[in-house]
Amino acid sequence: MSTIYKINDIVPTNVLANRLNELSDAVCKGPHEVHKQFDMRIPAELDRDADLVLSQSASRMTELEAQLVLLREQLAALNKEYLILYQLTGEVWPSTNRPLAMVVSELSE
């Protein structure tokens, strides 16, 4: 680990995920490993210090969840619009020969 990251937002998510796995392993291995892995460094290492990694990971999860909710709402709205268009055209889904409206309706559930 290093001090190459100066801002939490630029620590790559895969780096945080790898560190979370290391911290999880440490908890399972016992107090000595927890003490070793959960120490804090000066200067702070944004990609290693447990408190910073946990905090940044929690923030990203919250942000991603909010984005996911928004995207699902947008997808549902688009599916409704497409459903109306497909019902008007009466087209069928190529691989199933089922009415396109039925397929789109199932996708929006």
Protein backbone atom coordinates (compact mmCIF):
# COMPACT_ATOMS: atom_id res chain seq x y z
CA MET A 1 0.00 0.00 0.00
CA SER A 2 1.11 3.54 -0.48
CA THR A 3 0.55 7.23 -0.20
CA ILE A 4 0.12 7.70 -3.95
CA TYR A 5 -3.58 8.53 -3.50
CA LYS A 6 -4.14 11.99 -2.07
CA ILE A 7 -7.93 12.10 -2.47
CA ASN A 8 -10.34 9.31 -1.46
CA ASP A 9 -12.33 9.60 -4.67
CA ILE A 10 -9.41 8.55 -6.84
CA VAL A 11 -8.62 5.28 -5.06
CA PRO A 12 -9.79 2.67 -7.59
CA THR A 13 -12.77 0.61 -6.46
CA ASN A 14 -10.95 -2.66 -7.12
CA VAL A 15 -8.17 -1.51 -4.75
CA LEU A 16 -10.73 -0.79 -2.05
CA ALA A 17 -12.45 -4.15 -2.67
CA ASN A 18 -9.14 -6.01 -2.37
CA ARG A 19 -8.38 -4.23 0.88
CA LEU A 20 -11.85 -5.05 2.23
CA ASN A 21 -11.13 -8.72 1.53
CA GLU A 22 -7.83 -8.44 3.40
CA LEU A 23 -9.57 -6.82 6.37
CA SER A 24 -12.22 -9.52 6.37
CA ASP A 25 -9.55 -12.21 6.37
CA ALA A 26 -7.80 -10.48 9.27
CA VAL A 27 -10.98 -10.53 11.37
CA CYS A 28 -11.25 -14.28 10.82
CA LYS A 29 -7.61 -14.92 11.73
CA GLY A 30 -7.77 -13.41 15.20
CA PRO A 31 -6.67 -10.48 17.36
CA HIS A 32 -3.02 -10.40 16.29
CA GLU A 33 -3.90 -10.14 12.60
CA VAL A 34 -6.66 -7.60 13.35
CA HIS A 35 -4.17 -5.43 15.22
CA LYS A 36 -1.69 -5.74 12.37
CA GLN A 37 -4.20 -4.96 9.59
CA PHE A 38 -6.27 -2.31 11.38
CA ASP A 39 -3.41 -0.04 12.43
CA MET A 40 -3.34 3.49 11.06
CA ARG A 41 -0.36 5.03 9.35
CA ILE A 42 1.08 8.52 9.37
CA PRO A 43 0.84 9.86 6.78
CA ALA A 44 -2.49 8.24 6.10
CA GLU A 45 -2.66 5.62 3.38
CA LEU A 46 -6.03 6.03 1.71
CA ASP A 47 -5.77 2.62 0.09
CA ARG A 48 -4.72 0.80 3.28
CA ASP A 49 -5.89 2.40 6.55
CA ALA A 50 -8.94 0.41 7.60
CA ASP A 51 -11.00 3.37 8.80
CA LEU A 52 -10.51 5.23 5.52
CA VAL A 53 -11.08 2.16 3.33
CA LEU A 54 -14.28 1.25 5.22
CA SER A 55 -15.59 4.81 5.13
CA GLN A 56 -14.88 5.31 1.41
CA SER A 57 -16.35 1.91 0.56
CA ALA A 58 -19.54 2.71 2.49
CA SER A 59 -19.83 6.06 0.72
CA ARG A 60 -19.42 4.46 -2.69
CA MET A 61 -21.98 1.76 -1.91
CA THR A 62 -24.50 4.43 -0.88
CA GLU A 63 -23.83 6.44 -4.04
CA LEU A 64 -24.10 3.36 -6.26
CA GLU A 65 -27.36 2.32 -4.62
CA ALA A 66 -28.84 5.77 -5.27
CA GLN A 67 -27.68 5.62 -8.91
CA LEU A 68 -29.17 2.14 -9.27
CA VAL A 69 -32.55 3.30 -7.98
CA LEU A 70 -32.51 6.21 -10.44
CA LEU A 71 -31.53 3.97 -13.36
CA ARG A 72 -34.25 1.45 -12.51
CA GLU A 73 -36.83 4.26 -12.47
CA GLN A 74 -35.58 5.52 -15.83
CA LEU A 75 -35.66 1.99 -17.28
CA ALA A 76 -39.21 1.45 -16.07
CA ALA A 77 -40.30 4.72 -17.66
CA LEU A 78 -38.64 3.80 -20.96
CA ASN A 79 -40.19 0.33 -20.88
CA LYS A 80 -43.63 1.89 -20.51
CA GLU A 81 -43.00 4.19 -23.48
CA TYR A 82 -41.72 1.32 -25.62
CA LEU A 83 -44.62 -0.88 -24.57
CA ILE A 84 -47.06 1.68 -25.96
CA LEU A 85 -45.11 1.92 -29.22
CA TYR A 86 -44.88 -1.84 -29.60
CA GLN A 87 -48.57 -2.27 -28.89
CA LEU A 88 -49.30 0.19 -31.66
CA THR A 89 -47.04 -1.54 -34.17
CA GLY A 90 -47.92 -5.14 -33.30
CA GLU A 91 -44.35 -6.29 -33.94
CA VAL A 92 -43.01 -9.61 -32.64
CA TRP A 93 -39.79 -10.47 -30.82
CA PRO A 94 -37.53 -12.17 -33.37
CA SER A 95 -36.25 -15.11 -31.31
CA THR A 96 -39.65 -16.10 -29.87
CA ASN A 97 -42.27 -14.81 -32.33
CA ARG A 98 -44.12 -13.56 -29.26
CA PRO A 99 -45.72 -10.13 -29.41
CA LEU A 100 -43.11 -7.55 -28.59
CA ALA A 101 -45.46 -5.87 -26.13
CA MET A 102 -45.60 -9.06 -24.07
CA VAL A 103 -41.83 -9.38 -23.95
CA VAL A 104 -41.34 -5.74 -22.95
CA SER A 105 -44.07 -6.04 -20.33
CA GLU A 106 -42.28 -9.00 -18.74
CA LEU A 107 -38.99 -7.11 -18.73
CA SER A 108 -40.50 -4.17 -16.87
CA GLU A 109 -41.82 -6.30 -14.00
